[in-house]
Amino acid sequence: MTLLALDSRWRRFNDPDRACPCCGRQFSGIYDIGFDAPDDWSHGPRPDEDDLEIGDDRLGPEFCRIGARYFLRAVLTLPLRGSDDGFSFGPWVEVPETVFRAYLATVDNPDQPFGPAEGLLANALPLFEDEADSAVTLTLPDPAQRPQVTATDGPLAEAQAQGISFDDLLEIYAACGDDIRPHLAAD
């Protein structure tokens, strides 16, 4: 048993058979938060599954170009203290063109080596808004998945090393427009 299992809110959050008494909403545990585009993307959302091209700017599900700037979609994982689970953000990372092209080469040839590579976080993450534009390192442990982000220093690097609390996780969800705290308060 994990330490977090002692928290009744955590048990309610992970019980897919439990319905909130006020509204009937059900939860089945941690869900990740992704970003549709880098914060500097100013052209609106991407329609359906198609790439959005406006002039020289292009936004797809995994790649983005804004003028002469290049971005990759990545995964930044934060361990959850007291649990064996982790929470992930799906942010964009600005990279030099050479890194962008090296990553593209792995799409057609998964055996092609990639990284570690340096980049800049391109989204303001809830609870870590001051970390936007921070230096990060990208690695590709599995070519079939998105690159992994490791913060190089600051509060985000500390959170990756030490984990976040369940209350921090609930605050992240609330900052993203899904305040589930009242639904976990009681049976």
N, C-alpha and C. Protein backbone atom coordinates (compact mmCIF):
# COMPACT_ATOMS: atom_id res chain seq x y z
N MET A 1 0.84 -1.17 0.00
CA MET A 1 0.00 0.00 0.00
C MET A 1 0.89 1.24 0.00
N THR A 2 0.49 2.23 -0.76
CA THR A 2 1.23 3.49 -0.80
C THR A 2 0.71 4.43 0.29
N LEU A 3 1.52 5.40 0.64
CA LEU A 3 1.14 6.37 1.65
C LEU A 3 -0.10 7.15 1.25
N LEU A 4 -0.21 7.46 -0.02
CA LEU A 4 -1.35 8.23 -0.50
C LEU A 4 -2.67 7.46 -0.36
N ALA A 5 -2.60 6.14 -0.29
CA ALA A 5 -3.80 5.32 -0.15
C ALA A 5 -4.54 5.60 1.16
N LEU A 6 -3.86 6.25 2.09
CA LEU A 6 -4.50 6.61 3.36
C LEU A 6 -5.41 7.83 3.21
N ASP A 7 -5.27 8.57 2.12
CA ASP A 7 -6.07 9.78 1.86
C ASP A 7 -7.39 9.37 1.21
N SER A 8 -8.51 9.64 1.88
CA SER A 8 -9.82 9.23 1.35
C SER A 8 -10.11 9.91 0.00
N ARG A 9 -9.61 11.13 -0.20
CA ARG A 9 -9.82 11.80 -1.49
C ARG A 9 -9.13 11.01 -2.61
N TRP A 10 -7.95 10.50 -2.34
CA TRP A 10 -7.19 9.72 -3.32
C TRP A 10 -7.95 8.43 -3.66
N ARG A 11 -8.50 7.79 -2.63
CA ARG A 11 -9.27 6.56 -2.87
C ARG A 11 -10.51 6.88 -3.72
N ARG A 12 -11.19 7.98 -3.43
CA ARG A 12 -12.36 8.36 -4.23
C ARG A 12 -11.96 8.69 -5.67
N PHE A 13 -10.82 9.35 -5.82
CA PHE A 13 -10.31 9.76 -7.13
C PHE A 13 -9.97 8.55 -8.00
N ASN A 14 -9.58 7.47 -7.38
CA ASN A 14 -9.16 6.27 -8.11
C ASN A 14 -10.21 5.17 -8.15
N ASP A 15 -11.41 5.44 -7.68
CA ASP A 15 -12.47 4.44 -7.67
C ASP A 15 -13.44 4.70 -8.82
N PRO A 16 -13.32 3.97 -9.92
CA PRO A 16 -14.19 4.22 -11.08
C PRO A 16 -15.65 3.88 -10.81
N ASP A 17 -15.93 3.13 -9.73
CA ASP A 17 -17.31 2.77 -9.42
C ASP A 17 -18.00 3.78 -8.51
N ARG A 18 -17.24 4.70 -7.95
CA ARG A 18 -17.80 5.71 -7.05
C ARG A 18 -18.34 6.88 -7.87
N ALA A 19 -19.55 7.30 -7.55
CA ALA A 19 -20.14 8.48 -8.18
C ALA A 19 -20.22 9.60 -7.15
N CYS A 20 -19.87 10.80 -7.56
CA CYS A 20 -19.96 11.96 -6.68
C CYS A 20 -21.41 12.11 -6.21
N PRO A 21 -21.64 12.30 -4.92
CA PRO A 21 -23.01 12.41 -4.43
C PRO A 21 -23.74 13.66 -4.92
N CYS A 22 -23.02 14.70 -5.31
CA CYS A 22 -23.71 15.93 -5.73
C CYS A 22 -24.06 15.93 -7.22
N CYS A 23 -23.28 15.20 -8.04
CA CYS A 23 -23.50 15.31 -9.49
C CYS A 23 -23.38 13.99 -10.25
N GLY A 24 -22.88 12.95 -9.59
CA GLY A 24 -22.73 11.66 -10.25
C GLY A 24 -21.44 11.49 -11.03
N ARG A 25 -20.57 12.50 -11.01
CA ARG A 25 -19.31 12.40 -11.76
C ARG A 25 -18.45 11.28 -11.19
N GLN A 26 -17.77 10.57 -12.09
CA GLN A 26 -16.89 9.47 -11.68
C GLN A 26 -15.47 9.76 -12.12
N PHE A 27 -14.52 9.19 -11.40
CA PHE A 27 -13.09 9.38 -11.68
C PHE A 27 -12.41 8.03 -11.73
N SER A 28 -11.35 7.95 -12.47
CA SER A 28 -10.59 6.70 -12.52
C SER A 28 -9.10 6.97 -12.40
N GLY A 29 -8.74 8.03 -11.72
CA GLY A 29 -7.33 8.30 -11.44
C GLY A 29 -6.76 9.44 -12.25
N ILE A 30 -5.45 9.50 -12.24
CA ILE A 30 -4.71 10.61 -12.83
C ILE A 30 -4.96 10.71 -14.32
N TYR A 31 -5.19 11.92 -14.78
CA TYR A 31 -5.25 12.20 -16.21
C TYR A 31 -4.26 13.33 -16.51
N ASP A 32 -3.65 13.25 -17.66
CA ASP A 32 -2.60 14.18 -18.04
C ASP A 32 -3.19 15.43 -18.70
N ILE A 33 -2.39 16.49 -18.76
CA ILE A 33 -2.80 17.77 -19.34
C ILE A 33 -1.86 18.09 -20.51
N GLY A 34 -2.44 18.26 -21.69
CA GLY A 34 -1.65 18.61 -22.87
C GLY A 34 -1.98 20.01 -23.36
N PHE A 35 -1.12 20.52 -24.20
CA PHE A 35 -1.28 21.85 -24.79
C PHE A 35 -1.41 21.69 -26.30
N ASP A 36 -2.39 22.36 -26.88
CA ASP A 36 -2.64 22.24 -28.32
C ASP A 36 -1.58 22.91 -29.16
N ALA A 37 -0.90 23.93 -28.61
CA ALA A 37 0.07 24.70 -29.38
C ALA A 37 1.03 25.40 -28.42
N PRO A 38 2.18 25.83 -28.91
CA PRO A 38 3.04 26.68 -28.07
C PRO A 38 2.30 27.96 -27.71
N ASP A 39 2.65 28.56 -26.58
CA ASP A 39 1.99 29.80 -26.16
C ASP A 39 2.11 30.91 -27.20
N ASP A 40 3.18 30.92 -27.98
CA ASP A 40 3.37 31.98 -28.98
C ASP A 40 2.58 31.76 -30.27
N TRP A 41 1.87 30.63 -30.39
CA TRP A 41 1.03 30.38 -31.57
C TRP A 41 -0.16 31.33 -31.50
N SER A 42 -0.34 32.17 -32.51
CA SER A 42 -1.38 33.20 -32.44
C SER A 42 -2.51 33.00 -33.44
N HIS A 43 -2.53 31.87 -34.12
CA HIS A 43 -3.48 31.67 -35.22
C HIS A 43 -4.72 30.88 -34.85
N GLY A 44 -4.94 30.59 -33.60
CA GLY A 44 -6.13 29.85 -33.20
C GLY A 44 -5.92 28.35 -33.26
N PRO A 45 -6.97 27.60 -32.92
CA PRO A 45 -6.84 26.15 -32.83
C PRO A 45 -6.72 25.47 -34.19
N ARG A 46 -6.12 24.30 -34.14
CA ARG A 46 -5.96 23.47 -35.32
C ARG A 46 -7.28 22.74 -35.56
N PRO A 47 -7.79 22.79 -36.81
CA PRO A 47 -9.06 22.10 -37.09
C PRO A 47 -8.88 20.59 -37.18
N ASP A 48 -9.68 19.86 -36.43
CA ASP A 48 -9.68 18.39 -36.47
C ASP A 48 -8.28 17.81 -36.43
N GLU A 49 -7.99 16.91 -37.33
CA GLU A 49 -6.69 16.25 -37.38
C GLU A 49 -5.76 16.87 -38.42
N ASP A 50 -6.23 17.88 -39.14
CA ASP A 50 -5.42 18.49 -40.19
C ASP A 50 -4.41 19.47 -39.61
N ASP A 51 -3.28 19.62 -40.32
CA ASP A 51 -2.33 20.67 -39.96
C ASP A 51 -2.93 22.01 -40.31
N LEU A 52 -2.58 23.02 -39.54
CA LEU A 52 -3.01 24.38 -39.83
C LEU A 52 -1.82 25.15 -40.36
N GLU A 53 -1.95 25.65 -41.60
CA GLU A 53 -0.87 26.43 -42.21
C GLU A 53 -1.37 27.82 -42.50
N ILE A 54 -0.64 28.80 -42.00
CA ILE A 54 -0.94 30.21 -42.26
C ILE A 54 0.38 30.87 -42.61
N GLY A 55 0.54 31.22 -43.88
CA GLY A 55 1.82 31.76 -44.34
C GLY A 55 2.91 30.73 -44.12
N ASP A 56 3.99 31.15 -43.45
CA ASP A 56 5.10 30.24 -43.15
C ASP A 56 4.89 29.47 -41.84
N ASP A 57 3.84 29.79 -41.12
CA ASP A 57 3.58 29.14 -39.84
C ASP A 57 2.77 27.86 -40.06
N ARG A 58 3.12 26.84 -39.27
CA ARG A 58 2.44 25.55 -39.42
C ARG A 58 2.32 24.89 -38.06
N LEU A 59 1.11 24.38 -37.77
CA LEU A 59 0.86 23.67 -36.52
C LEU A 59 0.26 22.31 -36.84
N GLY A 60 0.93 21.27 -36.39
CA GLY A 60 0.42 19.91 -36.49
C GLY A 60 0.30 19.33 -35.09
N PRO A 61 -0.08 18.06 -34.98
CA PRO A 61 -0.22 17.48 -33.65
C PRO A 61 1.10 17.28 -32.91
N GLU A 62 2.21 17.17 -33.64
CA GLU A 62 3.51 16.90 -33.01
C GLU A 62 4.57 17.95 -33.30
N PHE A 63 4.38 18.73 -34.36
CA PHE A 63 5.40 19.68 -34.81
C PHE A 63 4.78 21.04 -35.05
N CYS A 64 5.58 22.08 -34.85
CA CYS A 64 5.10 23.44 -35.08
C CYS A 64 6.27 24.29 -35.58
N ARG A 65 5.94 25.20 -36.49
CA ARG A 65 6.91 26.19 -36.95
C ARG A 65 6.21 27.55 -36.90
N ILE A 66 6.84 28.50 -36.27
CA ILE A 66 6.36 29.88 -36.25
C ILE A 66 7.49 30.72 -36.80
N GLY A 67 7.33 31.17 -38.05
CA GLY A 67 8.42 31.88 -38.70
C GLY A 67 9.64 30.99 -38.81
N ALA A 68 10.76 31.43 -38.22
CA ALA A 68 11.99 30.64 -38.25
C ALA A 68 12.21 29.90 -36.93
N ARG A 69 11.16 29.75 -36.12
CA ARG A 69 11.24 29.06 -34.84
C ARG A 69 10.60 27.67 -34.98
N TYR A 70 11.18 26.67 -34.30
CA TYR A 70 10.74 25.28 -34.42
C TYR A 70 10.38 24.72 -33.04
N PHE A 71 9.31 23.92 -33.03
CA PHE A 71 8.79 23.38 -31.77
C PHE A 71 8.45 21.90 -31.93
N LEU A 72 8.68 21.15 -30.85
CA LEU A 72 8.31 19.73 -30.77
C LEU A 72 7.37 19.54 -29.60
N ARG A 73 6.40 18.67 -29.77
CA ARG A 73 5.52 18.29 -28.66
C ARG A 73 6.25 17.25 -27.84
N ALA A 74 6.19 17.36 -26.53
CA ALA A 74 6.97 16.48 -25.66
C ALA A 74 6.14 16.08 -24.43
N VAL A 75 6.77 15.36 -23.52
CA VAL A 75 6.13 14.91 -22.28
C VAL A 75 7.03 15.28 -21.11
N LEU A 76 6.44 15.93 -20.12
CA LEU A 76 7.15 16.30 -18.91
C LEU A 76 6.43 15.63 -17.75
N THR A 77 7.09 14.69 -17.09
CA THR A 77 6.45 13.89 -16.05
C THR A 77 6.89 14.37 -14.67
N LEU A 78 5.90 14.42 -13.77
CA LEU A 78 6.14 14.78 -12.37
C LEU A 78 5.67 13.60 -11.52
N PRO A 79 6.57 13.03 -10.70
CA PRO A 79 6.13 11.95 -9.81
C PRO A 79 5.15 12.50 -8.78
N LEU A 80 4.27 11.66 -8.31
CA LEU A 80 3.30 12.03 -7.28
C LEU A 80 3.78 11.44 -5.96
N ARG A 81 4.14 12.32 -5.03
CA ARG A 81 4.66 11.86 -3.73
C ARG A 81 3.63 10.98 -3.02
N GLY A 82 4.12 9.89 -2.43
CA GLY A 82 3.27 8.97 -1.69
C GLY A 82 2.57 7.96 -2.58
N SER A 83 2.92 7.95 -3.87
CA SER A 83 2.26 7.07 -4.83
C SER A 83 3.31 6.51 -5.79
N ASP A 84 2.94 5.45 -6.45
CA ASP A 84 3.79 4.91 -7.51
C ASP A 84 3.46 5.54 -8.85
N ASP A 85 2.49 6.45 -8.87
CA ASP A 85 2.01 7.07 -10.11
C ASP A 85 2.71 8.39 -10.38
N GLY A 86 2.55 8.84 -11.60
CA GLY A 86 3.07 10.14 -12.00
C GLY A 86 2.05 10.86 -12.85
N PHE A 87 2.21 12.16 -12.93
CA PHE A 87 1.36 13.02 -13.73
C PHE A 87 2.22 13.61 -14.84
N SER A 88 1.64 13.76 -16.04
CA SER A 88 2.42 14.32 -17.15
C SER A 88 1.72 15.51 -17.78
N PHE A 89 2.54 16.51 -18.09
CA PHE A 89 2.13 17.60 -18.96
C PHE A 89 2.55 17.20 -20.37
N GLY A 90 1.83 17.71 -21.37
CA GLY A 90 2.21 17.54 -22.77
C GLY A 90 2.54 18.91 -23.36
N PRO A 91 3.69 19.50 -22.97
CA PRO A 91 4.03 20.84 -23.44
C PRO A 91 4.76 20.82 -24.79
N TRP A 92 4.94 21.99 -25.33
CA TRP A 92 5.76 22.19 -26.51
C TRP A 92 7.12 22.72 -26.07
N VAL A 93 8.15 22.35 -26.82
CA VAL A 93 9.51 22.80 -26.53
C VAL A 93 10.07 23.43 -27.80
N GLU A 94 10.59 24.65 -27.66
CA GLU A 94 11.25 25.30 -28.80
C GLU A 94 12.67 24.77 -28.90
N VAL A 95 13.04 24.36 -30.11
CA VAL A 95 14.36 23.76 -30.34
C VAL A 95 15.02 24.42 -31.55
N PRO A 96 16.34 24.36 -31.64
CA PRO A 96 17.01 24.83 -32.85
C PRO A 96 16.59 23.98 -34.05
N GLU A 97 16.71 24.54 -35.24
CA GLU A 97 16.32 23.81 -36.45
C GLU A 97 17.06 22.48 -36.57
N THR A 98 18.32 22.44 -36.19
CA THR A 98 19.09 21.19 -36.31
C THR A 98 18.50 20.09 -35.42
N VAL A 99 18.04 20.44 -34.24
CA VAL A 99 17.41 19.47 -33.34
C VAL A 99 16.06 19.04 -33.92
N PHE A 100 15.32 19.99 -34.46
CA PHE A 100 14.04 19.69 -35.09
C PHE A 100 14.22 18.68 -36.22
N ARG A 101 15.19 18.94 -37.08
CA ARG A 101 15.46 18.03 -38.22
C ARG A 101 15.95 16.67 -37.73
N ALA A 102 16.76 16.65 -36.69
CA ALA A 102 17.24 15.37 -36.14
C ALA A 102 16.08 14.55 -35.59
N TYR A 103 15.14 15.21 -34.95
CA TYR A 103 13.97 14.49 -34.44
C TYR A 103 13.12 13.98 -35.60
N LEU A 104 12.91 14.81 -36.62
CA LEU A 104 12.14 14.37 -37.79
C LEU A 104 12.75 13.11 -38.41
N ALA A 105 14.07 13.03 -38.41
CA ALA A 105 14.75 11.86 -38.98
C ALA A 105 14.39 10.59 -38.23
N THR A 106 14.07 10.69 -36.94
CA THR A 106 13.71 9.49 -36.17
C THR A 106 12.32 8.98 -36.52
N VAL A 107 11.48 9.84 -37.11
CA VAL A 107 10.12 9.41 -37.47
C VAL A 107 10.20 8.34 -38.56
N ASP A 108 11.03 8.56 -39.57
CA ASP A 108 11.19 7.59 -40.66
C ASP A 108 12.18 6.49 -40.33
N ASN A 109 13.11 6.77 -39.43
CA ASN A 109 14.13 5.80 -39.08
C ASN A 109 14.28 5.77 -37.56
N PRO A 110 13.49 4.94 -36.86
CA PRO A 110 13.52 4.91 -35.40
C PRO A 110 14.88 4.54 -34.81
N ASP A 111 15.76 3.92 -35.61
CA ASP A 111 17.09 3.57 -35.12
C ASP A 111 18.04 4.77 -35.13
N GLN A 112 17.60 5.84 -35.75
CA GLN A 112 18.41 7.07 -35.81
C GLN A 112 18.57 7.62 -34.40
N PRO A 113 19.80 7.89 -33.95
CA PRO A 113 19.96 8.41 -32.58
C PRO A 113 19.42 9.85 -32.47
N PHE A 114 18.90 10.16 -31.29
CA PHE A 114 18.42 11.51 -31.02
C PHE A 114 18.74 11.88 -29.59
N GLY A 115 19.29 13.06 -29.42
CA GLY A 115 19.49 13.67 -28.12
C GLY A 115 20.58 13.01 -27.31
N PRO A 116 20.75 13.54 -26.12
CA PRO A 116 19.96 14.61 -25.53
C PRO A 116 20.14 15.93 -26.29
N ALA A 117 19.09 16.72 -26.25
CA ALA A 117 19.08 18.00 -26.96
C ALA A 117 18.52 19.08 -26.04
N GLU A 118 18.99 20.28 -26.25
CA GLU A 118 18.55 21.41 -25.43
C GLU A 118 17.39 22.14 -26.11
N GLY A 119 16.51 22.69 -25.30
CA GLY A 119 15.39 23.47 -25.81
C GLY A 119 14.88 24.41 -24.75
N LEU A 120 13.79 25.11 -25.08
CA LEU A 120 13.14 26.03 -24.15
C LEU A 120 11.67 25.65 -24.02
N LEU A 121 11.20 25.56 -22.81
CA LEU A 121 9.79 25.25 -22.57
C LEU A 121 8.94 26.34 -23.21
N ALA A 122 7.95 25.95 -24.01
CA ALA A 122 7.16 26.92 -24.80
C ALA A 122 5.73 27.09 -24.30
N ASN A 123 5.42 26.55 -23.12
CA ASN A 123 4.10 26.73 -22.50
C ASN A 123 4.27 27.10 -21.04
N ALA A 124 3.39 27.95 -20.54
CA ALA A 124 3.34 28.25 -19.11
C ALA A 124 2.52 27.14 -18.46
N LEU A 125 3.14 26.37 -17.59
CA LEU A 125 2.49 25.24 -16.94
C LEU A 125 1.85 25.68 -15.63
N PRO A 126 0.60 25.28 -15.37
CA PRO A 126 -0.03 25.63 -14.10
C PRO A 126 0.84 25.21 -12.91
N LEU A 127 0.96 26.07 -11.94
CA LEU A 127 1.82 25.99 -10.76
C LEU A 127 3.27 26.29 -11.08
N PHE A 128 3.62 26.33 -12.35
CA PHE A 128 5.00 26.58 -12.76
C PHE A 128 5.05 27.66 -13.84
N GLU A 129 4.15 28.63 -13.77
CA GLU A 129 4.05 29.66 -14.82
C GLU A 129 5.35 30.41 -15.02
N ASP A 130 6.11 30.62 -13.94
CA ASP A 130 7.37 31.35 -14.05
C ASP A 130 8.46 30.55 -14.76
N GLU A 131 8.19 29.29 -15.02
CA GLU A 131 9.18 28.42 -15.68
C GLU A 131 9.07 28.46 -17.20
N ALA A 132 8.07 29.16 -17.74
CA ALA A 132 7.95 29.28 -19.21
C ALA A 132 9.25 29.86 -19.74
N ASP A 133 9.68 29.38 -20.87
CA ASP A 133 10.95 29.77 -21.50
C ASP A 133 12.18 29.26 -20.74
N SER A 134 12.00 28.32 -19.81
CA SER A 134 13.14 27.74 -19.09
C SER A 134 13.88 26.76 -19.99
N ALA A 135 15.16 26.63 -19.72
CA ALA A 135 15.97 25.65 -20.43
C ALA A 135 15.58 24.24 -19.99
N VAL A 136 15.43 23.35 -20.96
CA VAL A 136 15.10 21.96 -20.69
C VAL A 136 15.97 21.07 -21.58
N THR A 137 16.02 19.81 -21.22
CA THR A 137 16.73 18.81 -22.02
C THR A 137 15.71 17.81 -22.54
N LEU A 138 15.83 17.47 -23.81
CA LEU A 138 14.96 16.48 -24.45
C LEU A 138 15.75 15.19 -24.65
N THR A 139 15.11 14.07 -24.34
CA THR A 139 15.66 12.76 -24.63
C THR A 139 14.58 11.94 -25.30
N LEU A 140 14.98 10.86 -25.94
CA LEU A 140 14.04 10.00 -26.64
C LEU A 140 14.29 8.55 -26.24
N PRO A 141 13.84 8.15 -25.03
CA PRO A 141 14.08 6.78 -24.60
C PRO A 141 13.37 5.74 -25.46
N ASP A 142 12.22 6.12 -26.03
CA ASP A 142 11.46 5.21 -26.88
C ASP A 142 11.05 5.96 -28.14
N PRO A 143 11.61 5.59 -29.30
CA PRO A 143 11.30 6.30 -30.54
C PRO A 143 9.82 6.28 -30.93
N ALA A 144 9.04 5.38 -30.34
CA ALA A 144 7.61 5.30 -30.65
C ALA A 144 6.80 6.30 -29.82
N GLN A 145 7.46 7.01 -28.90
CA GLN A 145 6.77 7.97 -28.05
C GLN A 145 7.37 9.36 -28.22
N ARG A 146 6.70 10.34 -27.63
CA ARG A 146 7.19 11.72 -27.70
C ARG A 146 8.46 11.86 -26.87
N PRO A 147 9.27 12.88 -27.22
CA PRO A 147 10.47 13.13 -26.42
C PRO A 147 10.11 13.46 -24.96
N GLN A 148 10.99 13.07 -24.06
CA GLN A 148 10.83 13.34 -22.63
C GLN A 148 11.56 14.64 -22.29
N VAL A 149 10.93 15.46 -21.44
CA VAL A 149 11.49 16.74 -21.03
C VAL A 149 12.03 16.61 -19.61
N THR A 150 13.23 17.13 -19.41
CA THR A 150 13.81 17.25 -18.08
C THR A 150 14.19 18.71 -17.87
N ALA A 151 13.62 19.32 -16.84
CA ALA A 151 13.97 20.71 -16.52
C ALA A 151 15.40 20.72 -15.98
N THR A 152 16.14 21.76 -16.32
CA THR A 152 17.55 21.80 -15.92
C THR A 152 17.76 22.40 -14.54
N ASP A 153 16.88 23.32 -14.11
CA ASP A 153 16.97 23.87 -12.75
C ASP A 153 15.68 24.59 -12.40
N GLY A 154 15.61 25.08 -11.17
CA GLY A 154 14.44 25.82 -10.73
C GLY A 154 13.37 24.92 -10.13
N PRO A 155 12.20 25.51 -9.81
CA PRO A 155 11.13 24.77 -9.16
C PRO A 155 10.62 23.57 -9.97
N LEU A 156 10.63 23.67 -11.29
CA LEU A 156 10.16 22.55 -12.10
C LEU A 156 11.13 21.37 -12.01
N ALA A 157 12.42 21.64 -12.03
CA ALA A 157 13.41 20.57 -11.87
C ALA A 157 13.29 19.94 -10.48
N GLU A 158 13.04 20.77 -9.48
CA GLU A 158 12.85 20.27 -8.12
C GLU A 158 11.62 19.37 -8.05
N ALA A 159 10.54 19.79 -8.70
CA ALA A 159 9.31 18.98 -8.71
C ALA A 159 9.53 17.66 -9.45
N GLN A 160 10.33 17.66 -10.51
CA GLN A 160 10.62 16.41 -11.20
C GLN A 160 11.45 15.48 -10.33
N ALA A 161 12.33 16.03 -9.53
CA ALA A 161 13.19 15.21 -8.68
C ALA A 161 12.48 14.74 -7.42
N GLN A 162 11.66 15.61 -6.80
CA GLN A 162 11.06 15.30 -5.51
C GLN A 162 9.58 14.94 -5.58
N GLY A 163 8.94 15.23 -6.71
CA GLY A 163 7.53 14.94 -6.86
C GLY A 163 6.65 16.09 -6.40
N ILE A 164 5.37 15.96 -6.71
CA ILE A 164 4.38 16.93 -6.27
C ILE A 164 3.39 16.23 -5.35
N SER A 165 2.68 17.00 -4.55
CA SER A 165 1.69 16.40 -3.65
C SER A 165 0.37 16.20 -4.40
N PHE A 166 -0.51 15.42 -3.82
CA PHE A 166 -1.85 15.24 -4.39
C PHE A 166 -2.58 16.58 -4.42
N ASP A 167 -2.39 17.41 -3.38
CA ASP A 167 -3.01 18.74 -3.38
C ASP A 167 -2.47 19.59 -4.54
N ASP A 168 -1.17 19.48 -4.83
CA ASP A 168 -0.61 20.19 -6.00
C ASP A 168 -1.29 19.73 -7.28
N LEU A 169 -1.48 18.42 -7.41
CA LEU A 169 -2.13 17.87 -8.60
C LEU A 169 -3.55 18.43 -8.74
N LEU A 170 -4.29 18.44 -7.63
CA LEU A 170 -5.65 18.97 -7.68
C LEU A 170 -5.65 20.46 -8.03
N GLU A 171 -4.63 21.17 -7.58
CA GLU A 171 -4.52 22.60 -7.93
C GLU A 171 -4.20 22.78 -9.42
N ILE A 172 -3.39 21.91 -9.97
CA ILE A 172 -3.10 21.95 -11.41
C ILE A 172 -4.39 21.74 -12.20
N TYR A 173 -5.17 20.73 -11.81
CA TYR A 173 -6.44 20.49 -12.50
C TYR A 173 -7.36 21.71 -12.40
N ALA A 174 -7.43 22.31 -11.21
CA ALA A 174 -8.29 23.49 -11.02
C ALA A 174 -7.81 24.64 -11.90
N ALA A 175 -6.50 24.84 -11.99
CA ALA A 175 -5.96 25.92 -12.82
C ALA A 175 -6.25 25.69 -14.31
N CYS A 176 -6.45 24.44 -14.69
CA CYS A 176 -6.78 24.09 -16.08
C CYS A 176 -8.29 24.07 -16.32
N GLY A 177 -9.07 24.51 -15.32
CA GLY A 177 -10.50 24.61 -15.51
C GLY A 177 -11.31 23.42 -15.03
N ASP A 178 -10.68 22.49 -14.32
CA ASP A 178 -11.41 21.31 -13.83
C ASP A 178 -11.15 21.15 -12.34
N ASP A 179 -11.83 21.95 -11.53
CA ASP A 179 -11.66 21.89 -10.09
C ASP A 179 -12.48 20.71 -9.55
N ILE A 180 -11.81 19.60 -9.34
CA ILE A 180 -12.49 18.39 -8.90
C ILE A 180 -12.49 18.24 -7.39
N ARG A 181 -11.85 19.15 -6.68
CA ARG A 181 -11.75 19.03 -5.21
C ARG A 181 -13.10 18.85 -4.54
N PRO A 182 -14.13 19.63 -4.88
CA PRO A 182 -15.42 19.44 -4.19
C PRO A 182 -16.04 18.05 -4.43
N HIS A 183 -15.72 17.43 -5.56
CA HIS A 183 -16.28 16.12 -5.89
C HIS A 183 -15.60 14.97 -5.13
N LEU A 184 -14.48 15.28 -4.50
CA LEU A 184 -13.74 14.25 -3.76
C LEU A 184 -13.89 14.42 -2.26
N ALA A 185 -14.62 15.44 -1.83
CA ALA A 185 -14.68 15.81 -0.42
C ALA A 185 -15.41 14.79 0.47
N ALA A 186 -16.44 14.17 -0.03
CA ALA A 186 -17.20 13.27 0.83
C ALA A 186 -17.95 12.24 0.00
N ASP A 187 -18.39 11.19 0.69
CA ASP A 187 -19.22 10.16 0.05
C ASP A 187 -20.67 10.43 0.24
